C-alpha atoms as a PDB file:
ATOM      1  CA  MET A   1      -0.312  -0.089   0.081  1.00  0.00           C
ATOM      2  CA  ASN A   2       1.106   3.787  -0.910  1.00  0.00           C
ATOM      3  CA  LEU A   3       0.251   6.764   0.889  1.00  0.00           C
ATOM      4  CA  ASN A   4      -1.827   9.106  -1.558  1.00  0.00           C
ATOM      5  CA  PRO A   5      -1.613  12.802  -1.724  1.00  0.00           C
ATOM      6  CA  GLN A   6      -3.985  13.287   0.521  1.00  0.00           C
ATOM      7  CA  GLN A   7      -3.227  10.762   3.296  1.00  0.00           C
ATOM      8  CA  ALA A   8       0.874  12.754   3.112  1.00  0.00           C
ATOM      9  CA  ARG A   9      -1.519  16.003   3.557  1.00  0.00           C
ATOM     10  CA  SER A  10      -3.292  14.926   6.375  1.00  0.00           C
ATOM     11  CA  LEU A  11      -0.606  13.153   7.792  1.00  0.00           C
ATOM     12  CA  VAL A  12       1.587  16.837   7.567  1.00  0.00           C
ATOM     13  CA  ALA A  13      -1.085  19.053   8.458  1.00  0.00           C
ATOM     14  CA  ILE A  14      -1.977  17.127  12.029  1.00  0.00           C
ATOM     15  CA  CYS A  15       2.232  17.566  12.260  1.00  0.00           C
ATOM     16  CA  LEU A  16       1.587  21.441  11.763  1.00  0.00           C
ATOM     17  CA  HIS A  17      -1.257  21.866  13.782  1.00  0.00           C
ATOM     18  CA  ALA A  18       0.860  20.115  16.993  1.00  0.00           C
ATOM     19  CA  VAL A  19       3.751  22.448  16.018  1.00  0.00           C
ATOM     20  CA  PHE A  20       1.120  25.373  16.454  1.00  0.00           C
ATOM     21  CA  ALA A  21      -0.435  23.892  19.670  1.00  0.00           C
ATOM     22  CA  ASP A  22       0.972  25.633  22.622  1.00  0.00           C
ATOM     23  CA  GLY A  23       0.683  28.927  21.285  1.00  0.00           C
ATOM     24  CA  HIS A  24       4.223  30.414  21.331  1.00  0.00           C
ATOM     25  CA  GLN A  25       6.559  28.914  18.851  1.00  0.00           C
ATOM     26  CA  GLY A  26       9.247  31.776  18.551  1.00  0.00           C
ATOM     27  CA  VAL A  27       9.489  33.351  15.117  1.00  0.00           C
ATOM     28  CA  ALA A  28      12.994  31.235  14.415  1.00  0.00           C
ATOM     29  CA  GLU A  29      11.496  28.182  14.920  1.00  0.00           C
ATOM     30  CA  ARG A  30       8.186  29.330  12.680  1.00  0.00           C
ATOM     31  CA  ASP A  31      10.562  29.878  10.406  1.00  0.00           C
ATOM     32  CA  HIS A  32      12.503  27.142  10.545  1.00  0.00           C
ATOM     33  CA  VAL A  33       9.538  24.825  10.283  1.00  0.00           C
ATOM     34  CA  ARG A  34       8.367  26.914   7.248  1.00  0.00           C
ATOM     35  CA  ASN A  35      11.192  26.163   5.237  1.00  0.00           C
ATOM     36  CA  VAL A  36      11.066  22.762   6.308  1.00  0.00           C
ATOM     37  CA  ALA A  37       7.437  22.173   4.195  1.00  0.00           C
ATOM     38  CA  GLU A  38       8.552  24.470   1.524  1.00  0.00           C
ATOM     39  CA  SER A  39      11.999  22.067   1.458  1.00  0.00           C
ATOM     40  CA  LEU A  40       9.969  18.823   1.319  1.00  0.00           C
ATOM     41  CA  GLY A  41       7.584  20.845  -1.005  1.00  0.00           C
ATOM     42  CA  ARG A  42       9.658  20.683  -3.289  1.00  0.00           C
ATOM     43  CA  GLU A  43      11.030  17.186  -3.398  1.00  0.00           C
ATOM     44  CA  ALA A  44       7.267  15.617  -2.804  1.00  0.00           C
ATOM     45  CA  GLU A  45       5.908  17.362  -5.510  1.00  0.00           C
ATOM     46  CA  ILE A  46       3.311  18.236  -3.060  1.00  0.00           C
ATOM     47  CA  ASP A  47       2.482  21.665  -2.522  1.00  0.00           C
ATOM     48  CA  PHE A  48       3.695  21.853   1.706  1.00  0.00           C
ATOM     49  CA  ILE A  49       3.985  25.138   2.071  1.00  0.00           C
ATOM     50  CA  ALA A  50      -0.018  26.458   0.616  1.00  0.00           C
ATOM     51  CA  LEU A  51      -0.516  24.083   3.418  1.00  0.00           C
ATOM     52  CA  TYR A  52       1.603  25.434   6.059  1.00  0.00           C
ATOM     53  CA  GLN A  53      -0.101  28.552   5.565  1.00  0.00           C
ATOM     54  CA  ASP A  54      -3.502  26.597   5.134  1.00  0.00           C
ATOM     55  CA  VAL A  55      -3.177  25.530   8.594  1.00  0.00           C
ATOM     56  CA  LEU A  56      -1.954  29.055  10.411  1.00  0.00           C
ATOM     57  CA  LEU A  57      -4.054  30.446   9.020  1.00  0.00           C
ATOM     58  CA  GLY A  58      -7.175  28.576  10.354  1.00  0.00           C
ATOM     59  CA  ARG A  59      -8.225  27.428   6.638  1.00  0.00           C
ATOM     60  CA  LEU A  60      -7.584  23.753   7.165  1.00  0.00           C
ATOM     61  CA  GLY A  61      -9.133  22.808  11.030  1.00  0.00           C
ATOM     62  CA  LEU A  62      -7.995  19.710  12.594  1.00  0.00           C
ATOM     63  CA  GLU A  63     -11.538  18.098  12.021  1.00  0.00           C
ATOM     64  CA  ALA A  64     -11.141  18.526   7.891  1.00  0.00           C
ATOM     65  CA  ALA A  65      -7.336  17.382   8.570  1.00  0.00           C
ATOM     66  CA  VAL A  66      -8.132  13.923  10.437  1.00  0.00           C
ATOM     67  CA  ALA A  67     -10.901  13.787   7.740  1.00  0.00           C
ATOM     68  CA  GLY A  68      -8.363  12.534   5.651  1.00  0.00           C
ATOM     69  CA  LEU A  69      -6.503   9.760   6.729  1.00  0.00           C
ATOM     70  CA  ASP A  70      -9.609   6.516   6.445  1.00  0.00           C
ATOM     71  CA  GLU A  71      -7.080   3.634   7.971  1.00  0.00           C
ATOM     72  CA  ALA A  72      -6.677   2.597  11.182  1.00  0.00           C
ATOM     73  CA  ASN A  73      -3.034   2.085  11.270  1.00  0.00           C
ATOM     74  CA  LEU A  74      -2.850   6.124   9.672  1.00  0.00           C
ATOM     75  CA  ARG A  75      -4.911   6.932  12.198  1.00  0.00           C
ATOM     76  CA  GLN A  76      -2.716   5.416  15.259  1.00  0.00           C
ATOM     77  CA  LEU A  77       0.910   7.229  13.280  1.00  0.00           C
ATOM     78  CA  ALA A  78      -0.624  10.906  13.175  1.00  0.00           C
ATOM     79  CA  PHE A  79      -1.434  10.383  16.587  1.00  0.00           C
ATOM     80  CA  GLU A  80       1.951   9.756  17.176  1.00  0.00           C
ATOM     81  CA  LEU A  81       3.739  11.984  14.950  1.00  0.00           C
ATOM     82  CA  ALA A  82       1.472  14.762  17.396  1.00  0.00           C
ATOM     83  CA  VAL A  83       2.707  13.624  20.471  1.00  0.00           C
ATOM     84  CA  GLY A  84       6.244  13.735  19.479  1.00  0.00           C
ATOM     85  CA  VAL A  85       6.127  16.896  17.503  1.00  0.00           C
ATOM     86  CA  CYS A  86       5.153  18.446  21.052  1.00  0.00           C
ATOM     87  CA  GLU A  87       7.092  16.845  22.721  1.00  0.00           C
ATOM     88  CA  ALA A  88      10.195  17.971  21.565  1.00  0.00           C
ATOM     89  CA  ASP A  89      10.848  21.109  22.555  1.00  0.00           C
ATOM     90  CA  GLY A  90      10.926  19.153  25.820  1.00  0.00           C
ATOM     91  CA  GLY A  91       7.387  18.557  27.690  1.00  0.00           C
ATOM     92  CA  LEU A  92       3.956  18.681  27.468  1.00  0.00           C
ATOM     93  CA  ASP A  93       2.174  22.577  28.317  1.00  0.00           C
ATOM     94  CA  ALA A  94      -1.384  22.933  29.142  1.00  0.00           C
ATOM     95  CA  ARG A  95      -2.491  23.700  25.916  1.00  0.00           C
ATOM     96  CA  GLU A  96      -0.907  20.353  24.046  1.00  0.00           C
ATOM     97  CA  LYS A  97      -2.408  18.081  26.480  1.00  0.00           C
ATOM     98  CA  ASP A  98      -5.752  19.759  25.853  1.00  0.00           C
ATOM     99  CA  PHE A  99      -4.678  19.601  21.696  1.00  0.00           C
ATOM    100  CA  LEU A 100      -3.587  15.631  22.412  1.00  0.00           C
ATOM    101  CA  GLU A 101      -7.103  14.946  23.918  1.00  0.00           C
ATOM    102  CA  ARG A 102      -8.945  16.620  21.314  1.00  0.00           C
ATOM    103  CA  LEU A 103      -7.320  14.722  18.772  1.00  0.00           C
ATOM    104  CA  SER A 104      -6.909  11.695  19.955  1.00  0.00           C
ATOM    105  CA  GLY A 105     -10.776  11.938  19.996  1.00  0.00           C
ATOM    106  CA  LEU A 106     -10.964  13.135  16.977  1.00  0.00           C
ATOM    107  CA  LEU A 107      -9.087   9.530  15.473  1.00  0.00           C
ATOM    108  CA  GLU A 108     -11.021   7.386  17.935  1.00  0.00           C
ATOM    109  CA  LEU A 109      -8.314   6.026  19.530  1.00  0.00           C
ATOM    110  CA  SER A 110      -8.356   4.190  22.517  1.00  0.00           C
ATOM    111  CA  ARG A 111      -8.381   6.571  25.581  1.00  0.00           C
ATOM    112  CA  PRO A 112      -6.086   4.287  27.371  1.00  0.00           C
ATOM    113  CA  ALA A 113      -3.926   3.259  24.739  1.00  0.00           C
ATOM    114  CA  ALA A 114      -3.303   6.747  23.867  1.00  0.00           C
ATOM    115  CA  ASP A 115      -2.816   8.328  27.673  1.00  0.00           C
ATOM    116  CA  THR A 116      -0.098   6.222  28.428  1.00  0.00           C
ATOM    117  CA  PHE A 117       2.003   6.539  24.872  1.00  0.00           C
ATOM    118  CA  VAL A 118       1.766  10.440  26.317  1.00  0.00           C
ATOM    119  CA  ARG A 119       2.944   9.463  29.336  1.00  0.00           C
ATOM    120  CA  GLU A 120       5.716   7.401  28.070  1.00  0.00           C
ATOM    121  CA  ALA A 121       6.762  10.032  25.559  1.00  0.00           C
ATOM    122  CA  GLU A 122       6.637  12.476  28.282  1.00  0.00           C
ATOM    123  CA  ALA A 123       9.082  10.986  30.364  1.00  0.00           C
ATOM    124  CA  LEU A 124      11.460  10.652  27.520  1.00  0.00           C
ATOM    125  CA  GLY A 125      11.228  14.031  26.727  1.00  0.00           C
ATOM    126  CA  GLN A 126      12.351  15.384  29.615  1.00  0.00           C
ATOM    127  CA  ALA A 127      14.817  12.922  30.311  1.00  0.00           C
ATOM    128  CA  PRO A 128      18.123  14.704  32.124  1.00  0.00           C
ATOM    129  CA  ALA A 129      20.445  16.392  29.748  1.00  0.00           C
ATOM    130  CA  ASP A 130      23.197  15.207  32.187  1.00  0.00           C
ATOM    131  CA  GLY A 131      22.730  11.601  32.194  1.00  0.00           C
ATOM    132  CA  PRO A 132      24.847   9.445  30.238  1.00  0.00           C
ATOM    133  CA  LEU A 133      24.932   8.755  26.831  1.00  0.00           C
ATOM    134  CA  PRO A 134      23.579   4.400  26.955  1.00  0.00           C
ATOM    135  CA  GLY A 135      25.188   2.151  25.314  1.00  0.00           C
ATOM    136  CA  LEU A 136      27.475   3.940  23.000  1.00  0.00           C
ATOM    137  CA  PRO A 137      29.587   1.171  20.911  1.00  0.00           C
ATOM    138  CA  GLY A 138      32.956   1.522  21.884  1.00  0.00           C
ATOM    139  CA  LEU A 139      32.355   3.188  25.105  1.00  0.00           C
ATOM    140  CA  GLY A 140      31.423   1.456  28.644  1.00  0.00           C
ATOM    141  CA  GLU A 141      27.668   1.950  29.203  1.00  0.00           C
ATOM    142  CA  GLY A 142      27.763   5.155  31.658  1.00  0.00           C
ATOM    143  CA  GLU A 143      31.642   6.269  30.886  1.00  0.00           C
ATOM    144  CA  PRO A 144      32.440   9.984  30.582  1.00  0.00           C
ATOM    145  CA  VAL A 145      33.563  11.615  27.267  1.00  0.00           C
ATOM    146  CA  ALA A 146      36.227  13.275  29.711  1.00  0.00           C
ATOM    147  CA  THR A 147      36.920  15.036  33.415  1.00  0.00           C
ATOM    148  CA  PRO A 148      38.687  18.034  32.815  1.00  0.00           C
ATOM    149  CA  SER A 149      39.894  19.767  35.775  1.00  0.00           C
ATOM    150  CA  SER A 150      39.276  22.928  34.394  1.00  0.00           C
ATOM    151  CA  ALA A 151      37.701  25.238  30.999  1.00  0.00           C
ATOM    152  CA  ALA A 152      41.709  25.386  30.605  1.00  0.00           C
ATOM    153  CA  ALA A 153      42.008  21.112  30.587  1.00  0.00           C
ATOM    154  CA  ALA A 154      41.970  20.297  26.617  1.00  0.00           C
ATOM    155  CA  PRO A 155      40.094  17.163  26.259  1.00  0.00           C
ATOM    156  CA  GLU A 156      41.717  14.775  24.097  1.00  0.00           C
ATOM    157  CA  ALA A 157      40.174  15.146  20.191  1.00  0.00           C
ATOM    158  CA  ALA A 158      39.873  11.318  19.156  1.00  0.00           C
ATOM    159  CA  GLU A 159      37.877  10.688  22.399  1.00  0.00           C
ATOM    160  CA  LEU A 160      35.692  13.014  21.261  1.00  0.00           C
ATOM    161  CA  ASP A 161      35.264  12.680  17.782  1.00  0.00           C
ATOM    162  CA  ARG A 162      34.865   8.937  19.243  1.00  0.00           C
ATOM    163  CA  THR A 163      31.978   9.934  20.956  1.00  0.00           C
ATOM    164  CA  ILE A 164      30.432  11.842  18.420  1.00  0.00           C
ATOM    165  CA  LEU A 165      30.602   9.648  15.910  1.00  0.00           C
ATOM    166  CA  ASN A 166      29.229   6.552  17.579  1.00  0.00           C
ATOM    167  CA  ALA A 167      26.093   9.206  19.076  1.00  0.00           C
ATOM    168  CA  SER A 168      25.418   9.696  15.255  1.00  0.00           C
ATOM    169  CA  ILE A 169      25.388   6.126  14.489  1.00  0.00           C
ATOM    170  CA  LEU A 170      22.975   5.204  16.934  1.00  0.00           C
ATOM    171  CA  ASN A 171      20.521   8.068  16.319  1.00  0.00           C
ATOM    172  CA  GLY A 172      21.455   7.154  12.418  1.00  0.00           C
ATOM    173  CA  ALA A 173      19.597   3.456  13.687  1.00  0.00           C
ATOM    174  CA  LEU A 174      17.536   4.555  15.413  1.00  0.00           C
ATOM    175  CA  GLU A 175      15.562   6.087  12.282  1.00  0.00           C
ATOM    176  CA  LEU A 176      15.785   2.579  10.947  1.00  0.00           C
ATOM    177  CA  LEU A 177      13.475   1.401  13.459  1.00  0.00           C
ATOM    178  CA  PRO A 178       9.684   1.172  12.837  1.00  0.00           C
ATOM    179  CA  GLN A 179       8.633   2.546  16.930  1.00  0.00           C
ATOM    180  CA  SER A 180       7.833   6.211  16.736  1.00  0.00           C
ATOM    181  CA  MET A 181       9.102   6.292  20.341  1.00  0.00           C
ATOM    182  CA  ALA A 182      12.732   5.454  18.316  1.00  0.00           C
ATOM    183  CA  SER A 183      12.919   8.889  16.666  1.00  0.00           C
ATOM    184  CA  MET A 184      11.350  10.751  19.889  1.00  0.00           C
ATOM    185  CA  ALA A 185      14.873   9.233  21.460  1.00  0.00           C
ATOM    186  CA  ILE A 186      16.819  11.325  18.857  1.00  0.00           C
ATOM    187  CA  ILE A 187      16.428  14.797  20.993  1.00  0.00           C
ATOM    188  CA  PRO A 188      17.065  13.848  24.069  1.00  0.00           C
ATOM    189  CA  LEU A 189      20.339  11.892  23.062  1.00  0.00           C
ATOM    190  CA  GLN A 190      21.783  14.937  21.195  1.00  0.00           C
ATOM    191  CA  LEU A 191      21.196  16.819  24.104  1.00  0.00           C
ATOM    192  CA  ARG A 192      23.596  14.759  26.405  1.00  0.00           C
ATOM    193  CA  LEU A 193      25.821  14.908  23.349  1.00  0.00           C
ATOM    194  CA  VAL A 194      26.356  18.449  23.598  1.00  0.00           C
ATOM    195  CA  TYR A 195      25.654  18.378  27.957  1.00  0.00           C
ATOM    196  CA  ARG A 196      29.118  15.931  27.314  1.00  0.00           C
ATOM    197  CA  ILE A 197      30.942  18.235  25.336  1.00  0.00           C
ATOM    198  CA  GLY A 198      30.382  21.039  26.955  1.00  0.00           C
ATOM    199  CA  GLN A 199      31.556  19.055  30.250  1.00  0.00           C
ATOM    200  CA  ALA A 200      34.689  17.696  28.611  1.00  0.00           C
ATOM    201  CA  HIS A 201      35.471  21.258  28.524  1.00  0.00           C
ATOM    202  CA  GLY A 202      34.442  22.429  31.959  1.00  0.00           C
ATOM    203  CA  TYR A 203      31.157  23.404  30.963  1.00  0.00           C
ATOM    204  CA  GLU A 204      28.057  22.164  33.396  1.00  0.00           C
ATOM    205  CA  LEU A 205      24.966  22.655  31.430  1.00  0.00           C
ATOM    206  CA  ASP A 206      21.528  22.620  31.741  1.00  0.00           C
ATOM    207  CA  ARG A 207      18.707  22.189  29.404  1.00  0.00           C
ATOM    208  CA  GLY A 208      17.559  25.667  28.810  1.00  0.00           C
ATOM    209  CA  HIS A 209      21.308  26.005  28.128  1.00  0.00           C
ATOM    210  CA  ILE A 210      21.689  22.913  25.631  1.00  0.00           C
ATOM    211  CA  LYS A 211      18.324  24.110  24.075  1.00  0.00           C
ATOM    212  CA  ASP A 212      19.243  28.156  23.152  1.00  0.00           C
ATOM    213  CA  PHE A 213      22.450  26.756  21.745  1.00  0.00           C
ATOM    214  CA  LEU A 214      20.953  24.590  19.633  1.00  0.00           C
ATOM    215  CA  THR A 215      18.931  26.973  18.499  1.00  0.00           C
ATOM    216  CA  ALA A 216      21.191  29.723  17.601  1.00  0.00           C
ATOM    217  CA  ALA A 217      23.144  26.827  15.649  1.00  0.00           C
ATOM    218  CA  GLY A 218      20.080  27.121  13.796  1.00  0.00           C
ATOM    219  CA  VAL A 219      18.704  23.852  15.351  1.00  0.00           C
ATOM    220  CA  GLY A 220      15.232  23.832  16.466  1.00  0.00           C
ATOM    221  CA  MET A 221      13.949  21.188  17.854  1.00  0.00           C
ATOM    222  CA  THR A 222      10.241  21.375  16.880  1.00  0.00           C
ATOM    223  CA  GLY A 223      11.611  22.023  13.028  1.00  0.00           C
ATOM    224  CA  GLN A 224      14.268  19.018  13.553  1.00  0.00           C
ATOM    225  CA  TYR A 225      11.124  16.615  14.455  1.00  0.00           C
ATOM    226  CA  VAL A 226       8.879  17.728  11.834  1.00  0.00           C
ATOM    227  CA  GLU A 227      12.032  17.654   9.105  1.00  0.00           C
ATOM    228  CA  GLN A 228      12.719  13.744  10.308  1.00  0.00           C
ATOM    229  CA  PHE A 229       9.163  12.962   9.926  1.00  0.00           C
ATOM    230  CA  GLY A 230       8.642  14.614   6.595  1.00  0.00           C
ATOM    231  CA  ARG A 231      11.612  12.744   5.270  1.00  0.00           C
ATOM    232  CA  ARG A 232      11.039   9.877   5.840  1.00  0.00           C
ATOM    233  CA  LEU A 233       7.522  10.127   4.071  1.00  0.00           C
ATOM    234  CA  ILE A 234       9.245  11.546   1.418  1.00  0.00           C
ATOM    235  CA  GLY A 235      11.403   8.386   1.409  1.00  0.00           C
ATOM    236  CA  GLY A 236       8.468   6.315   1.176  1.00  0.00           C
ATOM    237  CA  LEU A 237       9.910   4.924   4.742  1.00  0.00           C
ATOM    238  CA  LEU A 238       6.896   4.731   6.982  1.00  0.00           C
ATOM    239  CA  GLY A 239       7.042   0.647   6.747  1.00  0.00           C
ATOM    240  CA  LYS A 240       5.079   0.581   9.940  1.00  0.00           C
ATOM    241  CA  VAL A 241       1.885   1.934   7.397  1.00  0.00           C
ATOM    242  CA  LEU A 242       3.752   0.882   4.236  1.00  0.00           C
ATOM    243  CA  GLY A 243       3.497  -2.903   3.700  1.00  0.00           C
ATOM    244  CA  GLY A 244       2.403  -3.526   7.659  1.00  0.00           C
ATOM    245  CA  ALA A 245       6.320  -4.858   9.176  1.00  0.00           C
ATOM    246  CA  GLY A 246       7.982  -2.448   8.997  1.00  0.00           C
ATOM    247  CA  ARG A 247      11.107  -0.690   7.580  1.00  0.00           C
ATOM    248  CA  ALA A 248      13.148  -2.888   6.347  1.00  0.00           C
ATOM    249  CA  VAL A 249      16.398  -3.078   8.591  1.00  0.00           C
ATOM    250  CA  GLY A 250      18.938  -2.721   6.434  1.00  0.00           C
ATOM    251  CA  SER A 251      17.934  -0.545   4.025  1.00  0.00           C
ATOM    252  CA  GLN A 252      19.244   3.427   3.444  1.00  0.00           C
ATOM    253  CA  ALA A 253      16.233   5.427   5.269  1.00  0.00           C
ATOM    254  CA  THR A 254      16.098   9.026   4.037  1.00  0.00           C
ATOM    255  CA  GLY A 255      15.566  10.036   8.251  1.00  0.00           C
ATOM    256  CA  SER A 256      18.215   7.895   8.899  1.00  0.00           C
ATOM    257  CA  ALA A 257      20.936   9.870   6.697  1.00  0.00           C
ATOM    258  CA  PHE A 258      19.509  13.265   7.843  1.00  0.00           C
ATOM    259  CA  SER A 259      19.714  12.088  12.172  1.00  0.00           C
ATOM    260  CA  PHE A 260      23.480  11.290  11.300  1.00  0.00           C
ATOM    261  CA  ALA A 261      24.258  14.409  10.049  1.00  0.00           C
ATOM    262  CA  THR A 262      22.596  16.093  11.938  1.00  0.00           C
ATOM    263  CA  THR A 263      23.977  14.595  15.220  1.00  0.00           C
ATOM    264  CA  TRP A 264      27.710  14.824  13.880  1.00  0.00           C
ATOM    265  CA  ALA A 265      27.134  18.595  12.660  1.00  0.00           C
ATOM    266  CA  ILE A 266      25.478  18.903  16.398  1.00  0.00           C
ATOM    267  CA  GLY A 267      28.695  17.495  17.951  1.00  0.00           C
ATOM    268  CA  LYS A 268      31.338  18.871  15.734  1.00  0.00           C
ATOM    269  CA  VAL A 269      30.259  22.790  15.982  1.00  0.00           C
ATOM    270  CA  ALA A 270      29.358  21.813  20.465  1.00  0.00           C
ATOM    271  CA  VAL A 271      33.228  21.594  20.271  1.00  0.00           C
ATOM    272  CA  GLN A 272      33.984  24.037  18.076  1.00  0.00           C
ATOM    273  CA  TYR A 273      31.519  26.772  20.069  1.00  0.00           C
ATOM    274  CA  TYR A 274      32.662  25.032  23.972  1.00  0.00           C
ATOM    275  CA  GLY A 275      36.069  24.419  22.845  1.00  0.00           C
ATOM    276  CA  GLY A 276      36.942  28.034  22.289  1.00  0.00           C
ATOM    277  CA  GLY A 277      35.372  29.362  25.069  1.00  0.00           C
ATOM    278  CA  ARG A 278      31.573  30.054  23.724  1.00  0.00           C
ATOM    279  CA  LYS A 279      32.853  32.988  21.965  1.00  0.00           C
ATOM    280  CA  LEU A 280      31.825  32.218  18.520  1.00  0.00           C
ATOM    281  CA  ASP A 281      28.193  34.275  17.606  1.00  0.00           C
ATOM    282  CA  ALA A 282      24.554  33.064  15.963  1.00  0.00           C
ATOM    283  CA  ASP A 283      25.125  34.364  12.694  1.00  0.00           C
ATOM    284  CA  THR A 284      29.075  31.698  13.030  1.00  0.00           C
ATOM    285  CA  LEU A 285      27.364  29.343  14.258  1.00  0.00           C
ATOM    286  CA  ARG A 286      24.501  28.549  12.118  1.00  0.00           C
ATOM    287  CA  GLN A 287      27.094  28.757   9.333  1.00  0.00           C
ATOM    288  CA  ALA A 288      29.725  26.351  10.809  1.00  0.00           C
ATOM    289  CA  PHE A 289      26.593  23.834  11.552  1.00  0.00           C
ATOM    290  CA  ALA A 290      25.250  24.509   8.276  1.00  0.00           C
ATOM    291  CA  GLY A 291      28.430  23.249   6.779  1.00  0.00           C
ATOM    292  CA  LEU A 292      29.115  20.655   8.585  1.00  0.00           C
ATOM    293  CA  PHE A 293      25.762  19.151   8.027  1.00  0.00           C
ATOM    294  CA  GLU A 294      26.175  18.978   4.373  1.00  0.00           C
ATOM    295  CA  GLN A 295      30.179  17.733   5.005  1.00  0.00           C
ATOM    296  CA  ALA A 296      27.579  14.413   6.787  1.00  0.00           C
ATOM    297  CA  LYS A 297      25.126  14.226   4.602  1.00  0.00           C
ATOM    298  CA  ALA A 298      28.715  12.735   2.088  1.00  0.00           C
ATOM    299  CA  MET A 299      30.347  10.850   4.746  1.00  0.00           C
ATOM    300  CA  GLN A 300      26.695   8.893   5.775  1.00  0.00           C
ATOM    301  CA  GLU A 301      27.123   6.561   3.031  1.00  0.00           C
ATOM    302  CA  ARG A 302      30.376   5.326   4.766  1.00  0.00           C
ATOM    303  CA  TYR A 303      29.217   4.460   7.928  1.00  0.00           C
ATOM    304  CA  ALA A 304      25.744   3.037   6.836  1.00  0.00           C
ATOM    305  CA  PRO A 305      26.709  -0.276   7.298  1.00  0.00           C
ATOM    306  CA  GLU A 306      27.709   0.406  11.174  1.00  0.00           C
ATOM    307  CA  ILE A 307      24.232   2.115  11.104  1.00  0.00           C
ATOM    308  CA  ALA A 308      22.838  -1.301  10.352  1.00  0.00           C
ATOM    309  CA  GLN A 309      23.975  -3.158  12.568  1.00  0.00           C
ATOM    310  CA  ARG A 310      23.467  -1.023  15.323  1.00  0.00           C
ATOM    311  CA  ALA A 311      20.007  -0.936  14.540  1.00  0.00           C
ATOM    312  CA  ARG A 312      20.131  -5.089  14.539  1.00  0.00           C
ATOM    313  CA  THR A 313      20.845  -4.666  17.837  1.00  0.00           C
ATOM    314  CA  LEU A 314      19.322  -2.304  19.106  1.00  0.00           C
ATOM    315  CA  ASP A 315      17.478  -3.027  22.653  1.00  0.00           C
ATOM    316  CA  LEU A 316      15.149   0.333  21.994  1.00  0.00           C
ATOM    317  CA  LYS A 317      12.941  -0.445  25.404  1.00  0.00           C
ATOM    318  CA  ARG A 318      16.444  -0.628  27.259  1.00  0.00           C
ATOM    319  CA  LEU A 319      17.213   2.249  25.948  1.00  0.00           C
ATOM    320  CA  THR A 320      14.609   4.803  26.721  1.00  0.00           C
ATOM    321  CA  ASP A 321      14.358   3.301  30.331  1.00  0.00           C
ATOM    322  CA  GLU A 322      18.051   4.023  30.453  1.00  0.00           C
ATOM    323  CA  LEU A 323      17.013   7.561  29.196  1.00  0.00           C
ATOM    324  CA  ARG A 324      14.673   8.273  30.993  1.00  0.00           C
ATOM    325  CA  ARG A 325      16.544   7.321  34.604  1.00  0.00           C
END
C-alpha cells in the first residue's frame, strides 16, 4: 500500500497543528518549520508551503485534516507523530495536553492507550540532559567522555570525535526502527551529547542553555522533528504503514541519513563553540552548522553498514528506560 497525496497532506497538516498547539512558538522556530515545509514540498512535489499557510491561518482545521485519514494504522501514526512534535521541545504544557486529548478523540483512538503513549513520551522528552550516553558502541555504558579539572584542560580530540560518531550512528540507527518512540529518543540523545562536550571543556550545562545553543545554531528541536518525519515520508519509508511489517532494518532510509548528519554536525559545532570558550555568535554558529551538516551527509554512506548493524542489535526499550532514568 502506498500513501496517496491526501493521506500525506493530512499527516503533515496534523503535525503542523501540533507545532502550533502551544501558541508560543518563536519566530525562528516558525521560520524553520516553514522552510522545512517548503523544502519537503519541492522534493515530494506536494505544495506543503500552501498547507503550512492553511493551517497557520486557520483555513484547514484539525477535523478536516483527520478526515483525510481513512485507515486505523494511519490514525494511530498521526497521533504518535503529533505527540512527538509536542514533546520535541521537552515537555507538554496545558494547551498541548488539551490538543492531544482532542486529537485522540477525533482519531477515535482508545483513551487509555493514548494516555499511556503520552506518558511514556513525556517521560522520554523530559529525560535529564546530564545523564549518561547509554549503550554507545566503543564506550562503556555510563562512561564519561572526559573529566577535565577546568575549562583550560583540553579533552582528547580523538575521544570526542569517537563519541560524536558513535552518537551519530546510534541516532541514524534509531531512524531505521519502526517505532515512533525511537524517533523521539533522538533529541534527548543530542542534548546529552552537547552536555558531554560542554563538560569535557569544563562547562556544566543545563537543558535551557543547550536548547538555546541549538536554536542559535539553527537546530530548532520542533522543526528538527518535523523534518525527520517529513524526510521519512518522502523516502517512502513509513514501513509501519507501508506493507505492515516495518521498515527493512538494512535499508538506506532518508530519515536515518538526516539524523546521522544532524547529530554529527551538532557534535562538531559544539566542540568548536565550547572548545573556543563560547565566543562564536549566532551567525557564525549557523554557518558552521550548515557546512558541517553538508560534510556529514557526504560521510553517511561510509557508515551505513555500522548504522544498519546498530539497528539490528538495538534494544529500544532498554535505551529509552536508560534515558528516562
